[in-house]
Amino acid sequence: MQLSEANRIIREAIVEKFFIPGLKKLGFNPSKMKHPYIDGEALSKDNLIHLFFDLETGSDYPDGDEWFIIEFLVSSKVKMPDELKSPDYFTTLTHKDTIYWRHRELIRYKYGKTKKLQEALEFINKKANELHDVLTKYIKT
């Protein structure tokens, strides 16, 4: 088995058995939104911001079993204000003729032998709330 395949299996197991159930307890629900490039279930608290787990990026790294990327995706129908167009908030993701707004974060859930799963879960929830608050401040849905 190659490193990238082994890391992806570990990432999938951790996401399925820890992060998704934990996020559901925090008010996230399955979302019907589909990501143009990431397979898998999306989660959302309010159908404004949709959370995806990017388990492919970096899976070929030696420490790829210690982290993954999350991506928050906002519908292309949302008119993003200029104040939020930046790497700190939202950048574009283009697929065919559709432009999505996205925010990516690296989630490190293990530091050497120390697991930080709960801290990582809390970070994801905090970031989702932060992005939601800033979006609802600037846009009308």
N, C-alpha and C. Protein backbone atom coordinates (compact mmCIF):
# COMPACT_ATOMS: atom_id res chain seq x y z
N MET A 1 0.85 -1.17 0.00
CA MET A 1 0.00 0.00 0.00
C MET A 1 0.90 1.24 0.00
N GLN A 2 0.56 2.20 -0.83
CA GLN A 2 1.34 3.42 -0.92
C GLN A 2 0.98 4.37 0.23
N LEU A 3 1.90 5.27 0.53
CA LEU A 3 1.73 6.23 1.62
C LEU A 3 0.45 7.04 1.47
N SER A 4 0.19 7.55 0.27
CA SER A 4 -1.00 8.39 0.07
C SER A 4 -2.29 7.61 0.33
N GLU A 5 -2.31 6.36 -0.07
CA GLU A 5 -3.50 5.53 0.16
C GLU A 5 -3.69 5.25 1.65
N ALA A 6 -2.61 4.93 2.35
CA ALA A 6 -2.69 4.67 3.79
C ALA A 6 -3.14 5.92 4.55
N ASN A 7 -2.58 7.07 4.20
CA ASN A 7 -2.96 8.32 4.86
C ASN A 7 -4.42 8.67 4.59
N ARG A 8 -4.87 8.43 3.37
CA ARG A 8 -6.27 8.72 3.05
C ARG A 8 -7.21 7.83 3.86
N ILE A 9 -6.88 6.57 4.03
CA ILE A 9 -7.71 5.66 4.82
C ILE A 9 -7.78 6.14 6.27
N ILE A 10 -6.65 6.55 6.82
CA ILE A 10 -6.62 7.06 8.20
C ILE A 10 -7.46 8.33 8.30
N ARG A 11 -7.29 9.24 7.36
CA ARG A 11 -8.06 10.49 7.37
C ARG A 11 -9.56 10.21 7.28
N GLU A 12 -9.95 9.34 6.36
CA GLU A 12 -11.37 9.01 6.21
C GLU A 12 -11.95 8.46 7.50
N ALA A 13 -11.22 7.56 8.15
CA ALA A 13 -11.71 6.96 9.39
C ALA A 13 -11.88 8.00 10.48
N ILE A 14 -10.92 8.89 10.63
CA ILE A 14 -11.00 9.92 11.67
C ILE A 14 -12.14 10.89 11.39
N VAL A 15 -12.30 11.27 10.14
CA VAL A 15 -13.40 12.18 9.79
C VAL A 15 -14.75 11.51 10.03
N GLU A 16 -14.90 10.28 9.56
CA GLU A 16 -16.19 9.57 9.68
C GLU A 16 -16.54 9.22 11.12
N LYS A 17 -15.56 8.82 11.90
CA LYS A 17 -15.84 8.34 13.26
C LYS A 17 -15.74 9.40 14.34
N PHE A 18 -15.02 10.50 14.08
CA PHE A 18 -14.88 11.53 15.10
C PHE A 18 -15.44 12.88 14.68
N PHE A 19 -14.94 13.42 13.57
CA PHE A 19 -15.30 14.79 13.22
C PHE A 19 -16.76 14.95 12.80
N ILE A 20 -17.26 14.11 11.93
CA ILE A 20 -18.66 14.25 11.50
C ILE A 20 -19.62 14.07 12.67
N PRO A 21 -19.51 13.01 13.49
CA PRO A 21 -20.41 12.91 14.64
C PRO A 21 -20.27 14.08 15.62
N GLY A 22 -19.04 14.53 15.83
CA GLY A 22 -18.81 15.66 16.73
C GLY A 22 -19.43 16.94 16.21
N LEU A 23 -19.30 17.19 14.92
CA LEU A 23 -19.89 18.39 14.33
C LEU A 23 -21.41 18.32 14.33
N LYS A 24 -21.96 17.15 14.13
CA LYS A 24 -23.42 17.00 14.20
C LYS A 24 -23.93 17.33 15.59
N LYS A 25 -23.19 16.97 16.62
CA LYS A 25 -23.56 17.32 18.00
C LYS A 25 -23.51 18.83 18.22
N LEU A 26 -22.71 19.52 17.43
CA LEU A 26 -22.58 20.98 17.54
C LEU A 26 -23.55 21.73 16.64
N GLY A 27 -24.48 21.01 16.02
CA GLY A 27 -25.51 21.67 15.22
C GLY A 27 -25.33 21.61 13.72
N PHE A 28 -24.30 20.95 13.25
CA PHE A 28 -24.12 20.78 11.81
C PHE A 28 -25.04 19.66 11.33
N ASN A 29 -25.57 19.83 10.14
CA ASN A 29 -26.44 18.82 9.53
C ASN A 29 -25.95 18.50 8.13
N PRO A 30 -26.32 17.33 7.61
CA PRO A 30 -25.95 17.02 6.22
C PRO A 30 -26.48 18.09 5.26
N SER A 31 -25.68 18.43 4.30
CA SER A 31 -26.02 19.45 3.30
C SER A 31 -26.18 18.77 1.95
N LYS A 32 -27.04 19.33 1.14
CA LYS A 32 -27.24 18.79 -0.21
C LYS A 32 -26.27 19.39 -1.22
N MET A 33 -25.51 20.39 -0.80
CA MET A 33 -24.58 21.03 -1.72
C MET A 33 -23.49 20.04 -2.12
N LYS A 34 -23.14 20.06 -3.38
CA LYS A 34 -22.07 19.21 -3.92
C LYS A 34 -20.87 20.09 -4.25
N HIS A 35 -19.71 19.60 -3.91
CA HIS A 35 -18.48 20.31 -4.22
C HIS A 35 -18.03 19.88 -5.61
N PRO A 36 -17.56 20.82 -6.42
CA PRO A 36 -17.15 20.43 -7.78
C PRO A 36 -15.91 19.54 -7.82
N TYR A 37 -15.10 19.53 -6.77
CA TYR A 37 -13.86 18.76 -6.80
C TYR A 37 -13.67 17.79 -5.64
N ILE A 38 -14.39 17.96 -4.55
CA ILE A 38 -14.21 17.12 -3.37
C ILE A 38 -15.39 16.18 -3.23
N ASP A 39 -15.11 14.89 -3.14
CA ASP A 39 -16.16 13.90 -2.91
C ASP A 39 -16.48 13.87 -1.42
N GLY A 40 -17.66 13.39 -1.11
CA GLY A 40 -18.00 13.19 0.29
C GLY A 40 -19.12 14.08 0.76
N GLU A 41 -19.55 13.78 1.96
CA GLU A 41 -20.66 14.47 2.58
C GLU A 41 -20.27 15.89 2.98
N ALA A 42 -21.20 16.81 2.77
CA ALA A 42 -21.02 18.18 3.23
C ALA A 42 -21.88 18.38 4.47
N LEU A 43 -21.44 19.30 5.32
CA LEU A 43 -22.20 19.65 6.51
C LEU A 43 -22.44 21.15 6.52
N SER A 44 -23.55 21.55 7.12
CA SER A 44 -23.87 22.97 7.23
C SER A 44 -24.74 23.19 8.44
N LYS A 45 -24.61 24.37 9.04
CA LYS A 45 -25.49 24.73 10.15
C LYS A 45 -26.74 25.45 9.64
N ASP A 46 -26.61 26.11 8.51
CA ASP A 46 -27.68 27.01 8.07
C ASP A 46 -27.88 27.08 6.56
N ASN A 47 -27.22 26.24 5.82
CA ASN A 47 -27.26 26.24 4.36
C ASN A 47 -26.69 27.51 3.72
N LEU A 48 -25.92 28.27 4.48
CA LEU A 48 -25.21 29.41 3.92
C LEU A 48 -23.76 29.03 3.65
N ILE A 49 -23.14 28.40 4.63
CA ILE A 49 -21.76 27.95 4.51
C ILE A 49 -21.75 26.43 4.62
N HIS A 50 -21.10 25.78 3.67
CA HIS A 50 -21.08 24.31 3.60
C HIS A 50 -19.65 23.82 3.82
N LEU A 51 -19.49 22.87 4.72
CA LEU A 51 -18.19 22.35 5.11
C LEU A 51 -17.89 21.05 4.40
N PHE A 52 -16.71 20.99 3.77
CA PHE A 52 -16.23 19.79 3.09
C PHE A 52 -14.87 19.40 3.65
N PHE A 53 -14.57 18.12 3.62
CA PHE A 53 -13.28 17.60 4.07
C PHE A 53 -12.46 17.20 2.84
N ASP A 54 -11.36 17.89 2.64
CA ASP A 54 -10.45 17.59 1.53
C ASP A 54 -9.42 16.59 2.06
N LEU A 55 -9.62 15.33 1.75
CA LEU A 55 -8.75 14.27 2.26
C LEU A 55 -7.64 13.90 1.29
N GLU A 56 -7.66 14.48 0.11
CA GLU A 56 -6.64 14.18 -0.91
C GLU A 56 -5.41 15.07 -0.77
N THR A 57 -5.62 16.37 -0.60
CA THR A 57 -4.49 17.30 -0.55
C THR A 57 -3.52 16.90 0.56
N GLY A 58 -2.28 16.69 0.20
CA GLY A 58 -1.24 16.37 1.16
C GLY A 58 -1.22 14.94 1.66
N SER A 59 -2.06 14.08 1.10
CA SER A 59 -2.08 12.70 1.58
C SER A 59 -0.79 11.95 1.23
N ASP A 60 0.00 12.52 0.33
CA ASP A 60 1.27 11.89 -0.04
C ASP A 60 2.44 12.39 0.81
N TYR A 61 2.17 13.22 1.80
CA TYR A 61 3.22 13.72 2.70
C TYR A 61 3.47 12.70 3.81
N PRO A 62 4.70 12.61 4.31
CA PRO A 62 4.99 11.67 5.40
C PRO A 62 4.13 11.89 6.64
N ASP A 63 3.78 13.15 6.94
CA ASP A 63 2.92 13.43 8.10
C ASP A 63 1.45 13.59 7.70
N GLY A 64 1.10 13.07 6.54
CA GLY A 64 -0.27 13.20 6.03
C GLY A 64 -1.32 12.51 6.86
N ASP A 65 -0.91 11.69 7.82
CA ASP A 65 -1.87 11.05 8.73
C ASP A 65 -2.16 11.92 9.94
N GLU A 66 -1.58 13.13 10.00
CA GLU A 66 -1.73 14.01 11.16
C GLU A 66 -2.60 15.23 10.87
N TRP A 67 -3.00 15.43 9.63
CA TRP A 67 -3.76 16.63 9.28
C TRP A 67 -4.55 16.41 8.00
N PHE A 68 -5.48 17.30 7.74
CA PHE A 68 -6.21 17.37 6.48
C PHE A 68 -6.67 18.80 6.28
N ILE A 69 -7.30 19.06 5.17
CA ILE A 69 -7.80 20.39 4.84
C ILE A 69 -9.33 20.37 4.91
N ILE A 70 -9.89 21.45 5.47
CA ILE A 70 -11.34 21.63 5.36
C ILE A 70 -11.57 22.79 4.41
N GLU A 71 -12.71 22.73 3.75
CA GLU A 71 -13.07 23.82 2.84
C GLU A 71 -14.51 24.21 3.11
N PHE A 72 -14.70 25.49 3.40
CA PHE A 72 -16.04 26.05 3.53
C PHE A 72 -16.40 26.62 2.16
N LEU A 73 -17.54 26.24 1.65
CA LEU A 73 -17.99 26.69 0.34
C LEU A 73 -19.28 27.46 0.49
N VAL A 74 -19.36 28.58 -0.21
CA VAL A 74 -20.55 29.42 -0.21
C VAL A 74 -21.13 29.38 -1.62
N SER A 75 -22.42 29.32 -1.70
CA SER A 75 -23.11 29.24 -2.98
C SER A 75 -22.66 30.35 -3.93
N SER A 76 -22.62 30.01 -5.18
CA SER A 76 -22.26 30.99 -6.21
C SER A 76 -23.32 32.08 -6.33
N LYS A 77 -24.49 31.86 -5.77
CA LYS A 77 -25.57 32.85 -5.85
C LYS A 77 -25.38 34.00 -4.86
N VAL A 78 -24.49 33.82 -3.89
CA VAL A 78 -24.23 34.86 -2.91
C VAL A 78 -23.34 35.93 -3.53
N LYS A 79 -23.79 37.18 -3.46
CA LYS A 79 -22.97 38.29 -3.95
C LYS A 79 -22.01 38.68 -2.82
N MET A 80 -20.76 38.32 -3.01
CA MET A 80 -19.75 38.53 -1.97
C MET A 80 -19.31 39.99 -1.96
N PRO A 81 -19.39 40.65 -0.80
CA PRO A 81 -18.93 42.04 -0.73
C PRO A 81 -17.41 42.11 -0.82
N ASP A 82 -16.91 43.22 -1.33
CA ASP A 82 -15.46 43.39 -1.51
C ASP A 82 -14.68 43.21 -0.22
N GLU A 83 -15.28 43.59 0.91
CA GLU A 83 -14.59 43.49 2.20
C GLU A 83 -14.22 42.05 2.56
N LEU A 84 -14.91 41.09 1.98
CA LEU A 84 -14.67 39.68 2.31
C LEU A 84 -13.90 38.92 1.24
N LYS A 85 -13.48 39.62 0.20
CA LYS A 85 -12.71 38.98 -0.87
C LYS A 85 -11.22 39.08 -0.55
N SER A 86 -10.74 38.09 0.18
CA SER A 86 -9.32 38.07 0.57
C SER A 86 -8.99 36.68 1.10
N PRO A 87 -7.71 36.34 1.17
CA PRO A 87 -7.33 35.02 1.72
C PRO A 87 -7.77 34.84 3.18
N ASP A 88 -7.97 35.95 3.91
CA ASP A 88 -8.45 35.84 5.29
C ASP A 88 -9.89 35.37 5.36
N TYR A 89 -10.66 35.68 4.34
CA TYR A 89 -12.07 35.29 4.33
C TYR A 89 -12.38 34.36 3.16
N PHE A 90 -12.63 34.93 1.98
CA PHE A 90 -13.07 34.09 0.88
C PHE A 90 -12.31 34.39 -0.41
N THR A 91 -11.94 33.31 -1.09
CA THR A 91 -11.34 33.39 -2.41
C THR A 91 -12.25 32.62 -3.37
N THR A 92 -11.97 32.73 -4.65
CA THR A 92 -12.84 32.08 -5.63
C THR A 92 -12.38 30.68 -5.97
N LEU A 93 -13.34 29.89 -6.36
CA LEU A 93 -13.12 28.54 -6.89
C LEU A 93 -13.99 28.46 -8.13
N THR A 94 -13.37 28.25 -9.26
CA THR A 94 -14.11 28.21 -10.52
C THR A 94 -14.24 26.79 -11.02
N HIS A 95 -15.44 26.45 -11.45
CA HIS A 95 -15.70 25.15 -12.06
C HIS A 95 -16.65 25.39 -13.23
N LYS A 96 -16.15 25.08 -14.42
CA LYS A 96 -16.89 25.36 -15.66
C LYS A 96 -17.25 26.84 -15.67
N ASP A 97 -18.52 27.18 -15.72
CA ASP A 97 -18.93 28.59 -15.75
C ASP A 97 -19.40 29.10 -14.40
N THR A 98 -19.19 28.34 -13.34
CA THR A 98 -19.67 28.71 -12.02
C THR A 98 -18.51 29.14 -11.13
N ILE A 99 -18.71 30.24 -10.43
CA ILE A 99 -17.71 30.72 -9.47
C ILE A 99 -18.28 30.55 -8.07
N TYR A 100 -17.56 29.80 -7.25
CA TYR A 100 -17.93 29.61 -5.85
C TYR A 100 -17.01 30.46 -4.98
N TRP A 101 -17.45 30.72 -3.77
CA TRP A 101 -16.61 31.37 -2.77
C TRP A 101 -16.18 30.31 -1.77
N ARG A 102 -14.89 30.31 -1.42
CA ARG A 102 -14.41 29.28 -0.51
C ARG A 102 -13.42 29.84 0.51
N HIS A 103 -13.31 29.09 1.60
CA HIS A 103 -12.32 29.38 2.63
C HIS A 103 -11.72 28.05 3.04
N ARG A 104 -10.39 27.95 3.02
CA ARG A 104 -9.71 26.69 3.35
C ARG A 104 -8.88 26.85 4.62
N GLU A 105 -8.83 25.78 5.40
CA GLU A 105 -8.02 25.74 6.62
C GLU A 105 -7.35 24.38 6.74
N LEU A 106 -6.11 24.38 7.19
CA LEU A 106 -5.42 23.15 7.51
C LEU A 106 -5.83 22.76 8.93
N ILE A 107 -6.26 21.53 9.11
CA ILE A 107 -6.66 21.03 10.42
C ILE A 107 -5.64 19.99 10.86
N ARG A 108 -4.83 20.36 11.84
CA ARG A 108 -3.83 19.43 12.39
C ARG A 108 -4.43 18.85 13.67
N TYR A 109 -4.65 17.55 13.65
CA TYR A 109 -5.28 16.88 14.79
C TYR A 109 -4.30 15.98 15.54
N LYS A 110 -3.05 16.00 15.13
CA LYS A 110 -2.05 15.19 15.81
C LYS A 110 -0.71 15.90 15.71
N TYR A 111 -0.02 16.00 16.84
CA TYR A 111 1.32 16.59 16.89
C TYR A 111 2.25 15.53 17.44
N GLY A 112 2.98 14.85 16.56
CA GLY A 112 3.81 13.74 17.01
C GLY A 112 2.94 12.65 17.59
N LYS A 113 3.12 12.36 18.87
CA LYS A 113 2.31 11.33 19.52
C LYS A 113 1.11 11.92 20.25
N THR A 114 0.99 13.24 20.26
CA THR A 114 -0.10 13.90 20.98
C THR A 114 -1.27 14.14 20.04
N LYS A 115 -2.41 13.58 20.38
CA LYS A 115 -3.62 13.79 19.58
C LYS A 115 -4.37 15.00 20.11
N LYS A 116 -4.83 15.85 19.21
CA LYS A 116 -5.55 17.07 19.56
C LYS A 116 -6.89 17.09 18.83
N LEU A 117 -7.59 15.98 18.85
CA LEU A 117 -8.85 15.86 18.11
C LEU A 117 -9.89 16.85 18.60
N GLN A 118 -10.09 16.95 19.90
CA GLN A 118 -11.12 17.84 20.44
C GLN A 118 -10.81 19.30 20.11
N GLU A 119 -9.55 19.68 20.23
CA GLU A 119 -9.15 21.05 19.90
C GLU A 119 -9.40 21.35 18.42
N ALA A 120 -9.13 20.38 17.57
CA ALA A 120 -9.37 20.55 16.14
C ALA A 120 -10.86 20.69 15.85
N LEU A 121 -11.68 19.89 16.52
CA LEU A 121 -13.13 19.97 16.36
C LEU A 121 -13.64 21.35 16.78
N GLU A 122 -13.16 21.83 17.91
CA GLU A 122 -13.56 23.16 18.40
C GLU A 122 -13.12 24.25 17.44
N PHE A 123 -11.94 24.11 16.85
CA PHE A 123 -11.46 25.10 15.88
C PHE A 123 -12.38 25.15 14.66
N ILE A 124 -12.78 23.99 14.15
CA ILE A 124 -13.67 23.95 12.98
C ILE A 124 -14.98 24.65 13.30
N ASN A 125 -15.56 24.36 14.45
CA ASN A 125 -16.82 24.99 14.84
C ASN A 125 -16.65 26.50 15.00
N LYS A 126 -15.57 26.91 15.64
CA LYS A 126 -15.30 28.34 15.84
C LYS A 126 -15.13 29.05 14.50
N LYS A 127 -14.39 28.44 13.58
CA LYS A 127 -14.17 29.05 12.26
C LYS A 127 -15.48 29.14 11.48
N ALA A 128 -16.31 28.10 11.55
CA ALA A 128 -17.61 28.14 10.87
C ALA A 128 -18.46 29.28 11.42
N ASN A 129 -18.48 29.43 12.73
CA ASN A 129 -19.25 30.51 13.34
C ASN A 129 -18.71 31.88 12.95
N GLU A 130 -17.39 32.01 12.94
CA GLU A 130 -16.76 33.28 12.56
C GLU A 130 -17.11 33.65 11.12
N LEU A 131 -16.99 32.71 10.20
CA LEU A 131 -17.31 32.99 8.80
C LEU A 131 -18.79 33.29 8.62
N HIS A 132 -19.63 32.57 9.33
CA HIS A 132 -21.08 32.83 9.26
C HIS A 132 -21.38 34.24 9.75
N ASP A 133 -20.80 34.62 10.88
CA ASP A 133 -21.07 35.94 11.45
C ASP A 133 -20.63 37.05 10.52
N VAL A 134 -19.45 36.92 9.94
CA VAL A 134 -18.97 37.97 9.05
C VAL A 134 -19.79 38.02 7.76
N LEU A 135 -20.21 36.87 7.27
CA LEU A 135 -21.05 36.85 6.06
C LEU A 135 -22.40 37.51 6.31
N THR A 136 -23.05 37.14 7.40
CA THR A 136 -24.38 37.70 7.67
C THR A 136 -24.31 39.18 8.01
N LYS A 137 -23.16 39.64 8.46
CA LYS A 137 -22.98 41.08 8.73
C LYS A 137 -22.98 41.88 7.43
N TYR A 138 -22.39 41.29 6.38
CA TYR A 138 -22.19 42.02 5.13
C TYR A 138 -23.21 41.73 4.04
N ILE A 139 -23.89 40.60 4.11
CA ILE A 139 -24.80 40.27 3.01
C ILE A 139 -26.22 40.08 3.51
N LYS A 140 -27.12 40.17 2.59
CA LYS A 140 -28.53 39.87 2.87
C LYS A 140 -28.86 38.61 2.10
N THR A 141 -29.34 37.59 2.80
CA THR A 141 -29.67 36.33 2.12
C THR A 141 -31.15 36.24 1.86
